Amino acid sequence: MAAQLDSLTVFAESPSTVFQVAPYILGERRSFDLPVTLLTLTDRSCIAYSESAQQGRLERDMKLVQPMLTAYHQLQAEAASQAESVAMINQL
Protein backbone atom coordinates (compact mmCIF):
# COMPACT_ATOMS: atom_id res chain seq x y z
CA MET A 1 0.00 0.00 0.00
CA ALA A 2 2.85 2.39 0.81
CA ALA A 3 4.27 1.98 -2.70
CA GLN A 4 0.86 2.73 -4.23
CA LEU A 5 0.47 5.86 -2.12
CA ASP A 6 3.99 6.96 -3.05
CA SER A 7 3.19 6.53 -6.74
CA LEU A 8 0.16 8.83 -6.29
CA THR A 9 2.32 11.59 -4.83
CA VAL A 10 4.80 11.21 -7.71
CA PHE A 11 1.87 11.43 -10.15
CA ALA A 12 0.64 14.60 -8.41
CA GLU A 13 4.06 16.24 -8.89
CA SER A 14 3.78 16.11 -12.67
CA PRO A 15 3.03 19.58 -14.10
CA SER A 16 0.48 18.15 -16.53
CA THR A 17 -1.77 16.50 -13.93
CA VAL A 18 -4.43 17.52 -11.46
CA PHE A 19 -4.77 15.24 -8.46
CA GLN A 20 -7.72 15.57 -6.09
CA VAL A 21 -9.10 13.28 -3.42
CA ALA A 22 -12.86 13.30 -2.98
CA PRO A 23 -14.35 11.91 0.21
CA TYR A 24 -16.38 8.79 -0.43
CA ILE A 25 -19.53 10.46 0.88
CA LEU A 26 -19.49 12.93 -2.04
CA GLY A 27 -20.30 10.00 -4.32
CA GLU A 28 -23.70 9.69 -2.68
CA ARG A 29 -24.61 13.19 -3.84
CA ARG A 30 -22.72 13.09 -7.16
CA SER A 31 -23.22 9.50 -8.14
CA PHE A 32 -22.67 7.99 -11.53
CA ASP A 33 -24.46 4.75 -12.37
CA LEU A 34 -21.35 3.45 -14.15
CA PRO A 35 -17.70 4.47 -14.47
CA VAL A 36 -17.71 7.30 -17.02
CA THR A 37 -14.96 8.74 -19.19
CA LEU A 38 -15.70 12.32 -20.26
CA LEU A 39 -13.83 13.59 -23.30
CA THR A 40 -13.52 17.03 -24.86
CA LEU A 41 -12.60 16.75 -28.52
CA THR A 42 -10.45 19.17 -30.52
CA ASP A 43 -13.58 20.87 -31.86
CA ARG A 44 -14.61 21.46 -28.17
CA SER A 45 -17.52 19.02 -28.41
CA CYS A 46 -17.92 16.64 -25.48
CA ILE A 47 -18.66 12.94 -25.43
CA ALA A 48 -19.13 10.42 -22.64
CA TYR A 49 -18.19 6.75 -22.59
CA SER A 50 -19.60 4.42 -19.95
CA GLU A 51 -19.03 0.72 -19.61
CA SER A 52 -20.73 -2.09 -17.73
CA ALA A 53 -19.89 -5.78 -17.56
CA GLN A 54 -22.16 -6.38 -20.55
CA GLN A 55 -21.55 -3.42 -22.86
CA GLY A 56 -19.97 -0.06 -23.54
CA ARG A 57 -21.89 3.05 -24.56
CA LEU A 58 -20.60 6.15 -26.33
CA GLU A 59 -22.88 9.15 -25.91
CA ARG A 60 -22.60 12.23 -28.14
CA ASP A 61 -25.99 13.87 -27.45
CA MET A 62 -25.25 16.93 -25.28
CA LYS A 63 -28.66 16.60 -23.60
CA LEU A 64 -27.32 13.38 -22.09
CA VAL A 65 -23.64 14.36 -21.74
CA GLN A 66 -24.24 17.73 -20.02
CA PRO A 67 -25.71 16.30 -16.78
CA MET A 68 -22.65 14.04 -16.46
CA LEU A 69 -20.30 16.99 -17.03
CA THR A 70 -22.20 19.02 -14.44
CA ALA A 71 -22.03 16.21 -11.86
CA TYR A 72 -18.29 15.78 -12.53
CA HIS A 73 -17.57 19.51 -12.17
CA GLN A 74 -19.57 19.69 -8.95
CA LEU A 75 -17.63 16.72 -7.58
CA GLN A 76 -14.35 18.34 -8.63
CA ALA A 77 -15.32 21.62 -6.94
CA GLU A 78 -16.12 19.85 -3.66
CA ALA A 79 -13.03 17.62 -3.65
CA ALA A 80 -9.92 18.56 -1.71
CA SER A 81 -7.36 20.76 -3.46
CA GLN A 82 -4.26 19.16 -4.93
CA ALA A 83 -2.12 20.35 -1.99
CA GLU A 84 -4.68 19.04 0.53
CA SER A 85 -4.97 15.75 -1.36
CA VAL A 86 -1.20 15.20 -1.39
CA ALA A 87 -1.06 16.07 2.32
CA MET A 88 -3.76 13.44 3.00
CA ILE A 89 -1.81 10.81 1.07
CA ASN A 90 1.43 11.71 2.86
CA GLN A 91 -0.33 11.48 6.23
CA LEU A 92 -1.49 7.95 5.45
PDB file of N, CA and C in Angstrom:
ATOM      1  N   MET A   1       0.827  -1.192   0.000  1.00  0.00           N
ATOM      2  CA  MET A   1       0.000   0.000   0.000  1.00  0.00           C
ATOM      3  C   MET A   1       0.872   1.258   0.000  1.00  0.00           C
ATOM      4  N   ALA A   2       1.968   1.224   0.749  1.00  0.00           N
ATOM      5  CA  ALA A   2       2.845   2.392   0.810  1.00  0.00           C
ATOM      6  C   ALA A   2       3.382   2.739  -0.578  1.00  0.00           C
ATOM      7  N   ALA A   3       3.746   1.730  -1.348  1.00  0.00           N
ATOM      8  CA  ALA A   3       4.266   1.978  -2.699  1.00  0.00           C
ATOM      9  C   ALA A   3       3.190   2.600  -3.592  1.00  0.00           C
ATOM     10  N   GLN A   4       1.952   2.160  -3.436  1.00  0.00           N
ATOM     11  CA  GLN A   4       0.858   2.730  -4.229  1.00  0.00           C
ATOM     12  C   GLN A   4       0.629   4.185  -3.855  1.00  0.00           C
ATOM     13  N   LEU A   5       0.653   4.482  -2.570  1.00  0.00           N
ATOM     14  CA  LEU A   5       0.469   5.858  -2.124  1.00  0.00           C
ATOM     15  C   LEU A   5       1.622   6.736  -2.598  1.00  0.00           C
ATOM     16  N   ASP A   6       2.842   6.207  -2.556  1.00  0.00           N
ATOM     17  CA  ASP A   6       3.995   6.957  -3.052  1.00  0.00           C
ATOM     18  C   ASP A   6       3.850   7.261  -4.536  1.00  0.00           C
ATOM     19  N   SER A   7       3.350   6.297  -5.303  1.00  0.00           N
ATOM     20  CA  SER A   7       3.191   6.531  -6.744  1.00  0.00           C
ATOM     21  C   SER A   7       2.143   7.616  -7.009  1.00  0.00           C
ATOM     22  N   LEU A   8       1.150   7.747  -6.139  1.00  0.00           N
ATOM     23  CA  LEU A   8       0.164   8.825  -6.293  1.00  0.00           C
ATOM     24  C   LEU A   8       0.793  10.191  -6.061  1.00  0.00           C
ATOM     25  N   THR A   9       1.664  10.290  -5.084  1.00  0.00           N
ATOM     26  CA  THR A   9       2.316  11.587  -4.832  1.00  0.00           C
ATOM     27  C   THR A   9       3.268  11.942  -5.971  1.00  0.00           C
ATOM     28  N   VAL A  10       3.944  10.957  -6.548  1.00  0.00           N
ATOM     29  CA  VAL A  10       4.800  11.208  -7.711  1.00  0.00           C
ATOM     30  C   VAL A  10       3.938  11.675  -8.885  1.00  0.00           C
ATOM     31  N   PHE A  11       2.805  11.025  -9.100  1.00  0.00           N
ATOM     32  CA  PHE A  11       1.871  11.425 -10.147  1.00  0.00           C
ATOM     33  C   PHE A  11       1.428  12.877  -9.945  1.00  0.00           C
ATOM     34  N   ALA A  12       1.128  13.249  -8.707  1.00  0.00           N
ATOM     35  CA  ALA A  12       0.643  14.601  -8.410  1.00  0.00           C
ATOM     36  C   ALA A  12       1.706  15.664  -8.666  1.00  0.00           C
ATOM     37  N   GLU A  13       2.979  15.280  -8.660  1.00  0.00           N
ATOM     38  CA  GLU A  13       4.064  16.240  -8.888  1.00  0.00           C
ATOM     39  C   GLU A  13       4.220  16.607 -10.356  1.00  0.00           C
ATOM     40  N   SER A  14       3.650  15.844 -11.248  1.00  0.00           N
ATOM     41  CA  SER A  14       3.776  16.113 -12.672  1.00  0.00           C
ATOM     42  C   SER A  14       3.038  17.414 -13.016  1.00  0.00           C
ATOM     43  N   PRO A  15       3.673  18.291 -13.784  1.00  0.00           N
ATOM     44  CA  PRO A  15       3.027  19.577 -14.097  1.00  0.00           C
ATOM     45  C   PRO A  15       1.805  19.447 -15.002  1.00  0.00           C
ATOM     46  N   SER A  16       1.609  18.299 -15.614  1.00  0.00           N
ATOM     47  CA  SER A  16       0.475  18.147 -16.534  1.00  0.00           C
ATOM     48  C   SER A  16      -0.697  17.405 -15.904  1.00  0.00           C
ATOM     49  N   THR A  17      -0.693  17.236 -14.587  1.00  0.00           N
ATOM     50  CA  THR A  17      -1.772  16.500 -13.930  1.00  0.00           C
ATOM     51  C   THR A  17      -2.468  17.355 -12.884  1.00  0.00           C
ATOM     52  N   VAL A  18      -3.682  16.973 -12.592  1.00  0.00           N
ATOM     53  CA  VAL A  18      -4.431  17.516 -11.458  1.00  0.00           C
ATOM     54  C   VAL A  18      -4.834  16.315 -10.623  1.00  0.00           C
ATOM     55  N   PHE A  19      -4.506  16.355  -9.363  1.00  0.00           N
ATOM     56  CA  PHE A  19      -4.773  15.237  -8.461  1.00  0.00           C
ATOM     57  C   PHE A  19      -5.627  15.745  -7.311  1.00  0.00           C
ATOM     58  N   GLN A  20      -6.825  15.182  -7.169  1.00  0.00           N
ATOM     59  CA  GLN A  20      -7.722  15.572  -6.091  1.00  0.00           C
ATOM     60  C   GLN A  20      -8.331  14.329  -5.469  1.00  0.00           C
ATOM     61  N   VAL A  21      -8.437  14.347  -4.149  1.00  0.00           N
ATOM     62  CA  VAL A  21      -9.100  13.275  -3.422  1.00  0.00           C
ATOM     63  C   VAL A  21     -10.488  13.775  -3.034  1.00  0.00           C
ATOM     64  N   ALA A  22     -11.481  12.970  -3.351  1.00  0.00           N
ATOM     65  CA  ALA A  22     -12.858  13.303  -2.976  1.00  0.00           C
ATOM     66  C   ALA A  22     -13.308  12.325  -1.906  1.00  0.00           C
ATOM     67  N   PRO A  23     -13.830  12.816  -0.803  1.00  0.00           N
ATOM     68  CA  PRO A  23     -14.348  11.910   0.211  1.00  0.00           C
ATOM     69  C   PRO A  23     -15.423  11.000  -0.369  1.00  0.00           C
ATOM     70  N   TYR A  24     -15.440   9.786   0.078  1.00  0.00           N
ATOM     71  CA  TYR A  24     -16.378   8.786  -0.433  1.00  0.00           C
ATOM     72  C   TYR A  24     -17.818   9.274  -0.364  1.00  0.00           C
ATOM     73  N   ILE A  25     -18.147  10.006   0.684  1.00  0.00           N
ATOM     74  CA  ILE A  25     -19.530  10.462   0.883  1.00  0.00           C
ATOM     75  C   ILE A  25     -20.005  11.381  -0.246  1.00  0.00           C
ATOM     76  N   LEU A  26     -19.076  12.069  -0.924  1.00  0.00           N
ATOM     77  CA  LEU A  26     -19.487  12.926  -2.037  1.00  0.00           C
ATOM     78  C   LEU A  26     -20.121  12.109  -3.149  1.00  0.00           C
ATOM     79  N   GLY A  27     -19.738  10.864  -3.287  1.00  0.00           N
ATOM     80  CA  GLY A  27     -20.303  10.004  -4.316  1.00  0.00           C
ATOM     81  C   GLY A  27     -21.787   9.761  -4.139  1.00  0.00           C
ATOM     82  N   GLU A  28     -22.262   9.865  -2.917  1.00  0.00           N
ATOM     83  CA  GLU A  28     -23.702   9.691  -2.678  1.00  0.00           C
ATOM     84  C   GLU A  28     -24.504  10.832  -3.291  1.00  0.00           C
ATOM     85  N   ARG A  29     -23.919  12.022  -3.281  1.00  0.00           N
ATOM     86  CA  ARG A  29     -24.609  13.187  -3.842  1.00  0.00           C
ATOM     87  C   ARG A  29     -24.297  13.391  -5.317  1.00  0.00           C
ATOM     88  N   ARG A  30     -23.157  12.893  -5.770  1.00  0.00           N
ATOM     89  CA  ARG A  30     -22.717  13.087  -7.155  1.00  0.00           C
ATOM     90  C   ARG A  30     -22.489  11.735  -7.813  1.00  0.00           C
ATOM     91  N   SER A  31     -23.442  10.870  -7.687  1.00  0.00           N
ATOM     92  CA  SER A  31     -23.221   9.498  -8.137  1.00  0.00           C
ATOM     93  C   SER A  31     -23.334   9.359  -9.648  1.00  0.00           C
ATOM     94  N   PHE A  32     -22.573   8.438 -10.151  1.00  0.00           N
ATOM     95  CA  PHE A  32     -22.665   7.991 -11.534  1.00  0.00           C
ATOM     96  C   PHE A  32     -23.110   6.538 -11.464  1.00  0.00           C
ATOM     97  N   ASP A  33     -23.995   6.141 -12.368  1.00  0.00           N
ATOM     98  CA  ASP A  33     -24.459   4.753 -12.375  1.00  0.00           C
ATOM     99  C   ASP A  33     -23.335   3.791 -12.763  1.00  0.00           C
ATOM    100  N   LEU A  34     -22.448   4.254 -13.649  1.00  0.00           N
ATOM    101  CA  LEU A  34     -21.346   3.452 -14.155  1.00  0.00           C
ATOM    102  C   LEU A  34     -20.083   4.300 -14.163  1.00  0.00           C
ATOM    103  N   PRO A  35     -18.908   3.668 -14.238  1.00  0.00           N
ATOM    104  CA  PRO A  35     -17.703   4.472 -14.474  1.00  0.00           C
ATOM    105  C   PRO A  35     -17.863   5.202 -15.809  1.00  0.00           C
ATOM    106  N   VAL A  36     -17.508   6.474 -15.828  1.00  0.00           N
ATOM    107  CA  VAL A  36     -17.706   7.300 -17.017  1.00  0.00           C
ATOM    108  C   VAL A  36     -16.385   7.973 -17.377  1.00  0.00           C
ATOM    109  N   THR A  37     -16.084   7.975 -18.664  1.00  0.00           N
ATOM    110  CA  THR A  37     -14.961   8.739 -19.192  1.00  0.00           C
ATOM    111  C   THR A  37     -15.554   9.898 -19.979  1.00  0.00           C
ATOM    112  N   LEU A  38     -15.197  11.121 -19.576  1.00  0.00           N
ATOM    113  CA  LEU A  38     -15.699  12.315 -20.259  1.00  0.00           C
ATOM    114  C   LEU A  38     -14.562  12.876 -21.107  1.00  0.00           C
ATOM    115  N   LEU A  39     -14.848  13.127 -22.373  1.00  0.00           N
ATOM    116  CA  LEU A  39     -13.827  13.590 -23.299  1.00  0.00           C
ATOM    117  C   LEU A  39     -14.254  14.891 -23.953  1.00  0.00           C
ATOM    118  N   THR A  40     -13.314  15.824 -24.067  1.00  0.00           N
ATOM    119  CA  THR A  40     -13.520  17.026 -24.859  1.00  0.00           C
ATOM    120  C   THR A  40     -12.666  16.883 -26.103  1.00  0.00           C
ATOM    121  N   LEU A  41     -13.287  16.928 -27.255  1.00  0.00           N
ATOM    122  CA  LEU A  41     -12.598  16.745 -28.524  1.00  0.00           C
ATOM    123  C   LEU A  41     -11.979  18.055 -29.003  1.00  0.00           C
ATOM    124  N   THR A  42     -11.151  17.978 -30.028  1.00  0.00           N
ATOM    125  CA  THR A  42     -10.454  19.172 -30.525  1.00  0.00           C
ATOM    126  C   THR A  42     -11.410  20.254 -31.002  1.00  0.00           C
ATOM    127  N   ASP A  43     -12.594  19.871 -31.439  1.00  0.00           N
ATOM    128  CA  ASP A  43     -13.577  20.869 -31.861  1.00  0.00           C
ATOM    129  C   ASP A  43     -14.403  21.399 -30.679  1.00  0.00           C
ATOM    130  N   ARG A  44     -13.994  21.042 -29.450  1.00  0.00           N
ATOM    131  CA  ARG A  44     -14.608  21.456 -28.175  1.00  0.00           C
ATOM    132  C   ARG A  44     -15.939  20.762 -27.907  1.00  0.00           C
ATOM    133  N   SER A  45     -16.332  19.802 -28.722  1.00  0.00           N
ATOM    134  CA  SER A  45     -17.523  19.016 -28.414  1.00  0.00           C
ATOM    135  C   SER A  45     -17.164  18.006 -27.324  1.00  0.00           C
ATOM    136  N   CYS A  46     -18.146  17.570 -26.589  1.00  0.00           N
ATOM    137  CA  CYS A  46     -17.924  16.639 -25.484  1.00  0.00           C
ATOM    138  C   CYS A  46     -18.669  15.340 -25.745  1.00  0.00           C
ATOM    139  N   ILE A  47     -18.031  14.250 -25.348  1.00  0.00           N
ATOM    140  CA  ILE A  47     -18.662  12.937 -25.428  1.00  0.00           C
ATOM    141  C   ILE A  47     -18.435  12.218 -24.113  1.00  0.00           C
ATOM    142  N   ALA A  48     -19.254  11.222 -23.856  1.00  0.00           N
ATOM    143  CA  ALA A  48     -19.129  10.417 -22.638  1.00  0.00           C
ATOM    144  C   ALA A  48     -19.121   8.948 -23.026  1.00  0.00           C
ATOM    145  N   TYR A  49     -18.245   8.191 -22.369  1.00  0.00           N
ATOM    146  CA  TYR A  49     -18.194   6.746 -22.595  1.00  0.00           C
ATOM    147  C   TYR A  49     -18.391   6.069 -21.250  1.00  0.00           C
ATOM    148  N   SER A  50     -19.369   5.189 -21.174  1.00  0.00           N
ATOM    149  CA  SER A  50     -19.599   4.416 -19.954  1.00  0.00           C
ATOM    150  C   SER A  50     -19.565   2.943 -20.312  1.00  0.00           C
ATOM    151  N   GLU A  51     -19.196   2.149 -19.339  1.00  0.00           N
ATOM    152  CA  GLU A  51     -19.030   0.722 -19.606  1.00  0.00           C
ATOM    153  C   GLU A  51     -19.535  -0.091 -18.429  1.00  0.00           C
ATOM    154  N   SER A  52     -20.283  -1.132 -18.740  1.00  0.00           N
ATOM    155  CA  SER A  52     -20.729  -2.091 -17.728  1.00  0.00           C
ATOM    156  C   SER A  52     -20.095  -3.436 -18.052  1.00  0.00           C
ATOM    157  N   ALA A  53     -20.424  -4.444 -17.294  1.00  0.00           N
ATOM    158  CA  ALA A  53     -19.889  -5.778 -17.557  1.00  0.00           C
ATOM    159  C   ALA A  53     -20.403  -6.326 -18.884  1.00  0.00           C
ATOM    160  N   GLN A  54     -21.551  -5.845 -19.331  1.00  0.00           N
ATOM    161  CA  GLN A  54     -22.164  -6.384 -20.547  1.00  0.00           C
ATOM    162  C   GLN A  54     -21.881  -5.564 -21.803  1.00  0.00           C
ATOM    163  N   GLN A  55     -21.677  -4.241 -21.651  1.00  0.00           N
ATOM    164  CA  GLN A  55     -21.554  -3.417 -22.858  1.00  0.00           C
ATOM    165  C   GLN A  55     -20.905  -2.077 -22.562  1.00  0.00           C
ATOM    166  N   GLY A  56     -20.467  -1.418 -23.619  1.00  0.00           N
ATOM    167  CA  GLY A  56     -19.973  -0.056 -23.539  1.00  0.00           C
ATOM    168  C   GLY A  56     -20.920   0.855 -24.295  1.00  0.00           C
ATOM    169  N   ARG A  57     -20.966   2.114 -23.901  1.00  0.00           N
ATOM    170  CA  ARG A  57     -21.887   3.050 -24.564  1.00  0.00           C
ATOM    171  C   ARG A  57     -21.170   4.380 -24.754  1.00  0.00           C
ATOM    172  N   LEU A  58     -21.155   4.854 -25.993  1.00  0.00           N
ATOM    173  CA  LEU A  58     -20.596   6.149 -26.334  1.00  0.00           C
ATOM    174  C   LEU A  58     -21.754   7.108 -26.572  1.00  0.00           C
ATOM    175  N   GLU A  59     -21.763   8.202 -25.819  1.00  0.00           N
ATOM    176  CA  GLU A  59     -22.878   9.155 -25.907  1.00  0.00           C
ATOM    177  C   GLU A  59     -22.358  10.481 -26.457  1.00  0.00           C
ATOM    178  N   ARG A  60     -22.979  10.960 -27.521  1.00  0.00           N
ATOM    179  CA  ARG A  60     -22.602  12.232 -28.136  1.00  0.00           C
ATOM    180  C   ARG A  60     -23.669  13.314 -27.959  1.00  0.00           C
ATOM    181  N   ASP A  61     -24.877  12.929 -27.607  1.00  0.00           N
ATOM    182  CA  ASP A  61     -25.989  13.872 -27.455  1.00  0.00           C
ATOM    183  C   ASP A  61     -25.744  14.731 -26.210  1.00  0.00           C
ATOM    184  N   MET A  62     -25.561  16.043 -26.398  1.00  0.00           N
ATOM    185  CA  MET A  62     -25.251  16.931 -25.275  1.00  0.00           C
ATOM    186  C   MET A  62     -26.360  16.970 -24.233  1.00  0.00           C
ATOM    187  N   LYS A  63     -27.589  16.653 -24.604  1.00  0.00           N
ATOM    188  CA  LYS A  63     -28.658  16.601 -23.601  1.00  0.00           C
ATOM    189  C   LYS A  63     -28.383  15.505 -22.578  1.00  0.00           C
ATOM    190  N   LEU A  64     -27.655  14.477 -22.990  1.00  0.00           N
ATOM    191  CA  LEU A  64     -27.322  13.382 -22.090  1.00  0.00           C
ATOM    192  C   LEU A  64     -25.918  13.530 -21.492  1.00  0.00           C
ATOM    193  N   VAL A  65     -25.010  14.170 -22.220  1.00  0.00           N
ATOM    194  CA  VAL A  65     -23.637  14.361 -21.738  1.00  0.00           C
ATOM    195  C   VAL A  65     -23.575  15.482 -20.703  1.00  0.00           C
ATOM    196  N   GLN A  66     -24.323  16.555 -20.909  1.00  0.00           N
ATOM    197  CA  GLN A  66     -24.243  17.729 -20.025  1.00  0.00           C
ATOM    198  C   GLN A  66     -24.509  17.409 -18.548  1.00  0.00           C
ATOM    199  N   PRO A  67     -25.518  16.616 -18.197  1.00  0.00           N
ATOM    200  CA  PRO A  67     -25.709  16.301 -16.784  1.00  0.00           C
ATOM    201  C   PRO A  67     -24.511  15.561 -16.167  1.00  0.00           C
ATOM    202  N   MET A  68     -23.837  14.732 -16.972  1.00  0.00           N
ATOM    203  CA  MET A  68     -22.646  14.041 -16.461  1.00  0.00           C
ATOM    204  C   MET A  68     -21.500  15.020 -16.265  1.00  0.00           C
ATOM    205  N   LEU A  69     -21.336  15.962 -17.184  1.00  0.00           N
ATOM    206  CA  LEU A  69     -20.303  16.992 -17.026  1.00  0.00           C
ATOM    207  C   LEU A  69     -20.580  17.844 -15.793  1.00  0.00           C
ATOM    208  N   THR A  70     -21.827  18.206 -15.601  1.00  0.00           N
ATOM    209  CA  THR A  70     -22.201  19.018 -14.441  1.00  0.00           C
ATOM    210  C   THR A  70     -21.911  18.273 -13.138  1.00  0.00           C
ATOM    211  N   ALA A  71     -22.289  17.006 -13.068  1.00  0.00           N
ATOM    212  CA  ALA A  71     -22.025  16.208 -11.865  1.00  0.00           C
ATOM    213  C   ALA A  71     -20.530  16.082 -11.609  1.00  0.00           C
ATOM    214  N   TYR A  72     -19.738  15.885 -12.677  1.00  0.00           N
ATOM    215  CA  TYR A  72     -18.290  15.779 -12.525  1.00  0.00           C
ATOM    216  C   TYR A  72     -17.703  17.087 -12.015  1.00  0.00           C
ATOM    217  N   HIS A  73     -18.112  18.215 -12.597  1.00  0.00           N
ATOM    218  CA  HIS A  73     -17.566  19.505 -12.167  1.00  0.00           C
ATOM    219  C   HIS A  73     -17.965  19.845 -10.735  1.00  0.00           C
ATOM    220  N   GLN A  74     -19.161  19.469 -10.336  1.00  0.00           N
ATOM    221  CA  GLN A  74     -19.567  19.692  -8.949  1.00  0.00           C
ATOM    222  C   GLN A  74     -18.737  18.833  -8.007  1.00  0.00           C
ATOM    223  N   LEU A  75     -18.483  17.595  -8.376  1.00  0.00           N
ATOM    224  CA  LEU A  75     -17.629  16.716  -7.578  1.00  0.00           C
ATOM    225  C   LEU A  75     -16.223  17.293  -7.483  1.00  0.00           C
ATOM    226  N   GLN A  76     -15.689  17.755  -8.599  1.00  0.00           N
ATOM    227  CA  GLN A  76     -14.351  18.337  -8.626  1.00  0.00           C
ATOM    228  C   GLN A  76     -14.268  19.583  -7.735  1.00  0.00           C
ATOM    229  N   ALA A  77     -15.312  20.406  -7.751  1.00  0.00           N
ATOM    230  CA  ALA A  77     -15.323  21.619  -6.938  1.00  0.00           C
ATOM    231  C   ALA A  77     -15.360  21.303  -5.442  1.00  0.00           C
ATOM    232  N   GLU A  78     -16.001  20.207  -5.069  1.00  0.00           N
ATOM    233  CA  GLU A  78     -16.123  19.846  -3.658  1.00  0.00           C
ATOM    234  C   GLU A  78     -14.965  18.995  -3.147  1.00  0.00           C
ATOM    235  N   ALA A  79     -14.160  18.455  -4.047  1.00  0.00           N
ATOM    236  CA  ALA A  79     -13.029  17.618  -3.649  1.00  0.00           C
ATOM    237  C   ALA A  79     -11.932  18.486  -3.034  1.00  0.00           C
ATOM    238  N   ALA A  80     -11.045  17.842  -2.309  1.00  0.00           N
ATOM    239  CA  ALA A  80      -9.919  18.556  -1.710  1.00  0.00           C
ATOM    240  C   ALA A  80      -9.010  19.110  -2.803  1.00  0.00           C
ATOM    241  N   SER A  81      -8.315  20.202  -2.501  1.00  0.00           N
ATOM    242  CA  SER A  81      -7.365  20.758  -3.462  1.00  0.00           C
ATOM    243  C   SER A  81      -6.212  19.779  -3.670  1.00  0.00           C
ATOM    244  N   GLN A  82      -5.396  20.047  -4.673  1.00  0.00           N
ATOM    245  CA  GLN A  82      -4.260  19.162  -4.929  1.00  0.00           C
ATOM    246  C   GLN A  82      -3.316  19.139  -3.725  1.00  0.00           C
ATOM    247  N   ALA A  83      -3.014  20.300  -3.150  1.00  0.00           N
ATOM    248  CA  ALA A  83      -2.122  20.347  -1.991  1.00  0.00           C
ATOM    249  C   ALA A  83      -2.721  19.582  -0.810  1.00  0.00           C
ATOM    250  N   GLU A  84      -4.012  19.765  -0.568  1.00  0.00           N
ATOM    251  CA  GLU A  84      -4.675  19.037   0.525  1.00  0.00           C
ATOM    252  C   GLU A  84      -4.704  17.542   0.248  1.00  0.00           C
ATOM    253  N   SER A  85      -4.922  17.161  -1.000  1.00  0.00           N
ATOM    254  CA  SER A  85      -4.974  15.749  -1.356  1.00  0.00           C
ATOM    255  C   SER A  85      -3.628  15.082  -1.159  1.00  0.00           C
ATOM    256  N   VAL A  86      -2.558  15.742  -1.585  1.00  0.00           N
ATOM    257  CA  VAL A  86      -1.204  15.195  -1.387  1.00  0.00           C
ATOM    258  C   VAL A  86      -0.884  15.097   0.103  1.00  0.00           C
ATOM    259  N   ALA A  87      -1.290  16.109   0.868  1.00  0.00           N
ATOM    260  CA  ALA A  87      -1.057  16.066   2.318  1.00  0.00           C
ATOM    261  C   ALA A  87      -1.786  14.891   2.947  1.00  0.00           C
ATOM    262  N   MET A  88      -3.016  14.596   2.500  1.00  0.00           N
ATOM    263  CA  MET A  88      -3.764  13.443   3.005  1.00  0.00           C
ATOM    264  C   MET A  88      -3.028  12.143   2.701  1.00  0.00           C
ATOM    265  N   ILE A  89      -2.543  12.013   1.476  1.00  0.00           N
ATOM    266  CA  ILE A  89      -1.813  10.808   1.073  1.00  0.00           C
ATOM    267  C   ILE A  89      -0.533  10.659   1.911  1.00  0.00           C
ATOM    268  N   ASN A  90       0.193  11.760   2.075  1.00  0.00           N
ATOM    269  CA  ASN A  90       1.431  11.706   2.864  1.00  0.00           C
ATOM    270  C   ASN A  90       1.153  11.351   4.321  1.00  0.00           C
ATOM    271  N   GLN A  91       0.032  11.798   4.853  1.00  0.00           N
ATOM    272  CA  GLN A  91      -0.330  11.480   6.225  1.00  0.00           C
ATOM    273  C   GLN A  91      -0.609   9.982   6.401  1.00  0.00           C
ATOM    274  N   LEU A  92      -1.209   9.373   5.374  1.00  0.00           N
ATOM    275  CA  LEU A  92      -1.490   7.949   5.447  1.00  0.00           C
ATOM    276  C   LEU A  92      -0.200   7.158   5.447  1.00  0.00           C
TER     277      LEU A  92
END
